[in-house]
Amino acid sequence: MGTVERLERICRYEQSCEFLPHRLKSLALSLPDKQKERVEELRLRVMHPLTVLTLEGELNAAPDGRASLVTAEDLEQMLGAVTEYSRYACIETLRQGFLPLRGGFRLGVCGSAVVRDGEVSNLKDISSLALRIVCEHIGLGSDIAPQLFSADGRFLSTLILSPPGGGKTTLLRDLIRVLSLGDAEHRALRVAVIDERCELAVCCKGRAQMELGNHTDVLSLCPKAVGIPMVLRGMNPQVIAVDEITAEEDIRAMCLAANCGVGLLASIHAASELHQKPLWRELLRARVFRRCIVIRSNGGARSYEAGDLSCSD
């Protein structure tokens, strides 16, 4: 990690602390810089110490765990502040267990679910919060994107593979930006993003908090299987991008897009075991994806390998 990236990560960490109640904010900001730059999430649980999540695991935010003990009042105060004391206005995402925040941050929420007609309509008695520090890595996809085109300049549908926490979303986000902007060798493409969990664009009040390029349209909080046909009908995309395909109906929707001549950019929790996933066998046989990017981690450093995706079982 270079000096500039370290400073950016420290800055993002300190920005995230602004969402914490004052007492916990002071403790979180007291972390040494060498720890701040490695933090991916801040975790708040009732009657437990405030912790920070790093690649090495969860660590107490203060040497004395008792000083950083989180109370129910802390959670209510934080949730009230981030919703501007109007939870009802945020109910559509809150009932799904998260809130997109200004600045591109994301807050996971746990508590008691209020279930009506088999669906969660609200969360009450909040018991824990997870403040995710979403970091952009502008330029990450710049060297990879040219490998995703054919010799005649056509974008080849591409699948990103890595274990959980391997950096798929970060790479996917920057590839969207690169494709949308274009470069000297490739024209800009219209990219439609189905951001079902608000992790790619992190839209807050209709505004994308992450940089996705000039020719990108974002459909947030919509199931992929529903959103893909919607953008096909209404937005005339050249590429559709989605994060973490998992369901059979999503795969059928992607096949529909491929049959319409639209390129696909997607990710999956997997690496070499892709062929062992039953839901993906039909997709591989249909040859929807032509290229793949495998992300590997070695001692904290990540490598990115682009190549052809084998479509054999």
Protein backbone atom coordinates (compact mmCIF):
# COMPACT_ATOMS: atom_id res chain seq x y z
CA MET A 1 0.00 0.00 0.00
CA GLY A 2 1.47 3.32 -1.09
CA THR A 3 1.65 6.50 0.98
CA VAL A 4 -1.24 8.17 -0.84
CA GLU A 5 -3.51 5.15 -0.41
CA ARG A 6 -2.63 4.91 3.29
CA LEU A 7 -3.47 8.57 3.82
CA GLU A 8 -6.76 8.15 1.93
CA ARG A 9 -7.72 5.16 4.08
CA ILE A 10 -6.90 7.04 7.27
CA CYS A 11 -9.02 9.96 6.05
CA ARG A 12 -11.94 7.66 5.23
CA TYR A 13 -11.71 6.07 8.67
CA GLU A 14 -11.78 9.44 10.38
CA GLN A 15 -14.74 10.50 8.22
CA SER A 16 -16.62 7.37 9.29
CA CYS A 17 -16.08 8.24 12.94
CA GLU A 18 -18.21 11.35 12.44
CA PHE A 19 -21.29 9.09 12.48
CA LEU A 20 -20.50 7.78 15.99
CA PRO A 21 -21.90 9.21 19.22
CA HIS A 22 -19.43 11.74 20.65
CA ARG A 23 -18.09 9.49 23.43
CA LEU A 24 -17.35 6.62 21.05
CA LYS A 25 -16.08 8.96 18.35
CA SER A 26 -13.30 10.21 20.63
CA LEU A 27 -12.22 6.65 21.42
CA ALA A 28 -12.28 5.58 17.78
CA LEU A 29 -10.21 8.56 16.67
CA SER A 30 -7.55 7.71 19.26
CA LEU A 31 -6.49 4.61 17.29
CA PRO A 32 -2.94 4.80 15.88
CA ASP A 33 -2.75 5.64 12.18
CA LYS A 34 -1.22 2.25 11.39
CA GLN A 35 -4.46 0.65 12.64
CA LYS A 36 -6.80 3.23 11.11
CA GLU A 37 -5.54 2.47 7.62
CA ARG A 38 -6.48 -1.21 7.98
CA VAL A 39 -10.03 -0.77 9.32
CA GLU A 40 -12.88 -2.00 7.10
CA GLU A 41 -15.77 -1.67 9.56
CA LEU A 42 -16.68 -0.29 12.97
CA ARG A 43 -18.90 -2.66 14.95
CA LEU A 44 -21.25 -1.57 17.73
CA ARG A 45 -23.07 -4.18 19.84
CA VAL A 46 -25.19 -3.51 22.94
CA MET A 47 -23.23 -4.11 26.15
CA HIS A 48 -20.05 -5.00 24.27
CA PRO A 49 -16.97 -2.88 23.50
CA LEU A 50 -16.76 -0.89 20.27
CA THR A 51 -14.59 -2.89 17.85
CA VAL A 52 -12.94 -2.31 14.49
CA LEU A 53 -12.79 -4.99 11.80
CA THR A 54 -9.48 -5.43 9.96
CA LEU A 55 -8.07 -8.19 7.76
CA GLU A 56 -6.63 -9.67 10.96
CA GLY A 57 -10.03 -9.81 12.67
CA GLU A 58 -11.91 -7.65 15.18
CA LEU A 59 -9.99 -5.50 17.64
CA ASN A 60 -11.19 -3.39 20.54
CA ALA A 61 -11.22 0.30 19.64
CA ALA A 62 -9.86 1.19 23.10
CA PRO A 63 -7.32 -0.60 25.34
CA ASP A 64 -9.87 -0.59 28.13
CA GLY A 65 -12.91 -2.37 26.76
CA ARG A 66 -15.10 -1.02 29.54
CA ALA A 67 -14.51 2.55 28.37
CA SER A 68 -15.87 1.72 24.92
CA LEU A 69 -18.86 -0.30 26.10
CA VAL A 70 -21.78 0.36 23.75
CA THR A 71 -25.20 1.09 25.23
CA ALA A 72 -28.67 0.83 23.72
CA GLU A 73 -28.83 4.62 23.96
CA ASP A 74 -25.68 4.89 21.83
CA LEU A 75 -27.29 2.86 19.06
CA GLU A 76 -30.55 4.79 19.19
CA GLN A 77 -28.67 8.09 19.12
CA MET A 78 -26.55 7.01 16.14
CA LEU A 79 -29.48 5.59 14.19
CA GLY A 80 -31.52 8.71 14.85
CA ALA A 81 -28.71 10.97 13.64
CA VAL A 82 -27.99 9.10 10.41
CA THR A 83 -31.71 9.00 9.50
CA GLU A 84 -32.09 12.67 10.41
CA TYR A 85 -34.57 11.52 13.05
CA SER A 86 -37.02 10.25 10.43
CA ARG A 87 -36.71 6.48 10.26
CA TYR A 88 -39.91 6.21 8.29
CA ALA A 89 -38.28 8.01 5.37
CA CYS A 90 -35.58 5.30 5.32
CA ILE A 91 -37.87 2.33 5.96
CA GLU A 92 -37.35 0.67 2.55
CA THR A 93 -33.66 0.08 3.22
CA LEU A 94 -33.91 -0.18 7.01
CA ARG A 95 -36.27 -3.15 6.77
CA GLN A 96 -33.64 -4.84 4.58
CA GLY A 97 -31.07 -4.39 7.32
CA PHE A 98 -28.95 -1.50 6.09
CA LEU A 99 -28.81 2.23 5.43
CA PRO A 100 -26.72 4.02 2.76
CA LEU A 101 -25.08 7.07 4.31
CA ARG A 102 -23.73 10.32 2.94
CA GLY A 103 -20.13 10.15 1.82
CA GLY A 104 -20.47 6.60 0.50
CA PHE A 105 -20.61 4.78 3.83
CA ARG A 106 -23.03 1.95 4.64
CA LEU A 107 -24.61 1.02 7.96
CA GLY A 108 -25.73 -2.54 8.67
CA VAL A 109 -28.51 -2.82 11.25
CA CYS A 110 -29.64 -5.72 13.46
CA GLY A 111 -32.45 -5.89 15.98
CA SER A 112 -35.90 -7.43 16.33
CA ALA A 113 -37.68 -7.85 13.01
CA VAL A 114 -41.28 -6.79 12.67
CA VAL A 115 -42.80 -9.36 10.29
CA ARG A 116 -46.10 -8.82 8.50
CA ASP A 117 -47.52 -11.19 5.89
CA GLY A 118 -44.24 -13.07 5.83
CA GLU A 119 -42.10 -10.00 5.09
CA VAL A 120 -39.98 -7.77 7.33
CA SER A 121 -41.68 -4.39 7.56
CA ASN A 122 -39.39 -2.76 10.15
CA LEU A 123 -36.64 -3.30 12.72
CA LYS A 124 -37.00 -2.37 16.37
CA ASP A 125 -34.99 -2.84 19.58
CA ILE A 126 -31.74 -2.25 17.69
CA SER A 127 -28.99 -4.48 19.08
CA SER A 128 -26.01 -3.91 16.78
CA LEU A 129 -24.70 -1.69 14.01
CA ALA A 130 -21.92 -2.28 11.47
CA LEU A 131 -20.49 0.85 9.87
CA ARG A 132 -18.76 -0.21 6.65
CA ILE A 133 -16.02 2.02 5.27
CA VAL A 134 -16.52 1.82 1.52
CA CYS A 135 -13.29 2.79 -0.23
CA GLU A 136 -12.94 3.62 -3.88
CA HIS A 137 -9.77 2.57 -5.64
CA ILE A 138 -9.78 4.83 -8.67
CA GLY A 139 -7.60 3.33 -11.39
CA LEU A 140 -7.71 -0.24 -10.10
CA GLY A 141 -9.48 -1.43 -13.24
CA SER A 142 -7.58 0.69 -15.75
CA ASP A 143 -4.99 -1.97 -16.64
CA ILE A 144 -7.51 -4.82 -16.48
CA ALA A 145 -10.32 -3.35 -18.60
CA PRO A 146 -8.44 -3.51 -21.96
CA GLN A 147 -8.14 -7.29 -21.49
CA LEU A 148 -11.94 -7.59 -21.51
CA PHE A 149 -12.33 -6.63 -25.17
CA SER A 150 -12.11 -8.70 -28.33
CA ALA A 151 -9.66 -7.91 -31.12
CA ASP A 152 -12.38 -5.98 -32.95
CA GLY A 153 -13.15 -3.83 -29.89
CA ARG A 154 -16.27 -5.57 -28.53
CA PHE A 155 -16.68 -5.86 -24.76
CA LEU A 156 -16.72 -9.51 -23.70
CA SER A 157 -19.04 -10.38 -20.82
CA THR A 158 -16.88 -10.85 -17.75
CA LEU A 159 -17.22 -12.60 -14.39
CA ILE A 160 -15.17 -11.55 -11.33
CA LEU A 161 -14.28 -14.37 -8.94
CA SER A 162 -12.78 -14.33 -5.45
CA PRO A 163 -13.49 -15.54 -1.92
CA PRO A 164 -15.66 -13.34 0.33
CA GLY A 165 -13.87 -10.14 1.28
CA GLY A 166 -11.48 -10.50 -1.65
CA GLY A 167 -12.17 -7.11 -3.21
CA LYS A 168 -14.73 -8.04 -5.90
CA THR A 169 -16.99 -5.05 -5.32
CA THR A 170 -14.11 -2.58 -5.33
CA LEU A 171 -12.81 -3.92 -8.65
CA LEU A 172 -16.30 -4.15 -10.16
CA ARG A 173 -17.01 -0.54 -9.23
CA ASP A 174 -13.87 0.76 -10.91
CA LEU A 175 -14.38 -1.39 -14.02
CA ILE A 176 -17.83 0.19 -14.36
CA ARG A 177 -16.18 3.61 -14.18
CA VAL A 178 -13.55 2.70 -16.79
CA LEU A 179 -16.07 1.23 -19.24
CA SER A 180 -18.38 4.22 -18.81
CA LEU A 181 -15.61 6.75 -19.47
CA GLY A 182 -13.86 4.90 -22.28
CA ASP A 183 -10.24 5.48 -23.25
CA ALA A 184 -8.07 6.11 -26.29
CA GLU A 185 -8.64 2.56 -27.57
CA HIS A 186 -12.27 1.97 -26.59
CA ARG A 187 -15.30 4.21 -26.82
CA ALA A 188 -17.39 4.95 -23.75
CA LEU A 189 -20.16 2.43 -23.10
CA ARG A 190 -23.61 2.92 -21.61
CA VAL A 191 -23.55 0.90 -18.39
CA ALA A 192 -26.67 0.08 -16.37
CA VAL A 193 -25.97 -0.90 -12.77
CA ILE A 194 -28.46 -2.97 -10.78
CA ASP A 195 -27.33 -1.99 -7.28
CA GLU A 196 -29.61 -4.25 -5.25
CA ARG A 197 -27.81 -3.72 -1.93
CA CYS A 198 -26.56 -0.17 -2.50
CA GLU A 199 -22.92 -1.26 -2.39
CA LEU A 200 -21.73 -0.17 -5.83
CA ALA A 201 -23.05 3.37 -6.23
CA VAL A 202 -24.07 3.75 -2.55
CA CYS A 203 -26.88 6.09 -3.59
CA CYS A 204 -28.09 8.44 -0.87
CA LYS A 205 -31.24 10.47 -1.66
CA GLY A 206 -30.87 9.56 -5.33
CA ARG A 207 -27.26 10.64 -5.64
CA ALA A 208 -24.45 8.16 -6.26
CA GLN A 209 -21.74 8.56 -3.62
CA MET A 210 -19.20 6.57 -5.65
CA GLU A 211 -17.66 7.53 -9.01
CA LEU A 212 -19.14 5.29 -11.73
CA GLY A 213 -18.43 7.34 -14.86
CA ASN A 214 -20.38 9.71 -17.10
CA HIS A 215 -22.47 7.16 -18.99
CA THR A 216 -23.74 5.04 -16.10
CA ASP A 217 -27.36 4.62 -15.00
CA VAL A 218 -28.06 3.19 -11.55
CA LEU A 219 -31.14 1.26 -10.44
CA SER A 220 -30.91 0.92 -6.65
CA LEU A 221 -32.69 -1.41 -4.20
CA CYS A 222 -34.17 -3.52 -6.97
CA PRO A 223 -33.81 -7.32 -7.16
CA LYS A 224 -31.50 -8.27 -10.02
CA ALA A 225 -34.04 -10.53 -11.70
CA VAL A 226 -36.51 -7.63 -11.80
CA GLY A 227 -34.01 -4.87 -12.52
CA ILE A 228 -32.28 -6.45 -15.53
CA PRO A 229 -35.47 -6.56 -17.66
CA MET A 230 -36.35 -3.04 -16.48
CA VAL A 231 -33.13 -1.48 -17.75
CA LEU A 232 -33.29 -3.55 -20.93
CA ARG A 233 -36.68 -2.02 -21.69
CA GLY A 234 -35.99 1.52 -20.56
CA MET A 235 -32.30 2.45 -20.66
CA ASN A 236 -30.84 0.81 -23.80
CA PRO A 237 -27.65 -0.34 -22.04
CA GLN A 238 -24.61 -1.74 -23.77
CA VAL A 239 -23.39 -3.35 -20.54
CA ILE A 240 -25.33 -4.42 -17.43
CA ALA A 241 -23.34 -4.68 -14.18
CA VAL A 242 -24.45 -6.55 -11.05
CA ASP A 243 -22.73 -7.61 -7.84
CA GLU A 244 -22.79 -11.14 -6.40
CA ILE A 245 -25.16 -13.21 -8.52
CA THR A 246 -26.56 -16.04 -6.38
CA ALA A 247 -30.09 -16.99 -7.47
CA GLU A 248 -31.42 -19.00 -10.41
CA GLU A 249 -33.82 -16.22 -11.42
CA ASP A 250 -30.88 -13.80 -11.66
CA ILE A 251 -29.14 -16.17 -14.05
CA ARG A 252 -32.23 -16.40 -16.25
CA ALA A 253 -32.39 -12.60 -16.40
CA MET A 254 -28.73 -12.43 -17.42
CA CYS A 255 -29.34 -14.96 -20.18
CA LEU A 256 -32.16 -12.72 -21.42
CA ALA A 257 -29.78 -9.74 -21.50
CA ALA A 258 -27.12 -11.75 -23.33
CA ASN A 259 -29.67 -12.83 -25.94
CA CYS A 260 -30.45 -9.14 -26.49
CA GLY A 261 -26.79 -8.49 -27.32
CA VAL A 262 -25.99 -6.72 -24.05
CA GLY A 263 -22.67 -7.32 -22.32
CA LEU A 264 -22.56 -8.42 -18.69
CA LEU A 265 -20.20 -7.58 -15.85
CA ALA A 266 -20.82 -9.53 -12.65
CA SER A 267 -19.17 -11.08 -9.61
CA ILE A 268 -19.54 -14.27 -7.58
CA HIS A 269 -18.22 -15.61 -4.27
CA ALA A 270 -15.93 -18.25 -5.72
CA ALA A 271 -12.54 -19.03 -7.21
CA SER A 272 -11.52 -22.41 -8.61
CA GLU A 273 -14.75 -24.04 -7.29
CA LEU A 274 -17.01 -22.17 -9.73
CA HIS A 275 -17.84 -25.37 -11.64
CA GLN A 276 -19.06 -27.01 -8.41
CA LYS A 277 -21.91 -24.51 -8.04
CA PRO A 278 -25.10 -26.07 -9.47
CA LEU A 279 -26.73 -22.71 -10.26
CA TRP A 280 -23.85 -21.76 -12.53
CA ARG A 281 -23.59 -24.91 -14.66
CA GLU A 282 -26.43 -23.90 -16.94
CA LEU A 283 -24.96 -20.42 -17.24
CA LEU A 284 -21.56 -21.79 -18.21
CA ARG A 285 -23.10 -24.08 -20.81
CA ALA A 286 -25.01 -21.11 -22.23
CA ARG A 287 -21.65 -19.33 -22.66
CA VAL A 288 -23.02 -16.06 -21.31
CA PHE A 289 -19.61 -15.08 -19.91
CA ARG A 290 -16.52 -15.11 -22.11
CA ARG A 291 -13.89 -13.71 -19.75
CA CYS A 292 -13.15 -13.98 -16.04
CA ILE A 293 -11.01 -12.12 -13.53
CA VAL A 294 -9.68 -14.14 -10.59
CA ILE A 295 -8.63 -12.15 -7.51
CA ARG A 296 -6.06 -13.79 -5.27
CA SER A 297 -4.64 -12.58 -1.98
CA ASN A 298 -1.13 -13.33 -0.77
CA GLY A 299 0.03 -11.80 2.48
CA GLY A 300 -2.46 -8.95 2.20
CA ALA A 301 -1.45 -8.10 -1.39
CA ARG A 302 -4.02 -8.80 -4.11
CA SER A 303 -3.34 -9.95 -7.65
CA TYR A 304 -5.75 -9.83 -10.60
CA GLU A 305 -5.61 -12.40 -13.39
CA ALA A 306 -7.83 -12.00 -16.45
CA GLY A 307 -8.39 -14.85 -18.87
CA ASP A 308 -10.93 -16.85 -20.86
CA LEU A 309 -13.70 -18.53 -18.87
CA SER A 310 -13.90 -22.23 -19.58
CA CYS A 311 -17.49 -23.23 -20.33
CA SER A 312 -17.04 -26.97 -19.87
CA ASP A 313 -18.65 -28.74 -16.88
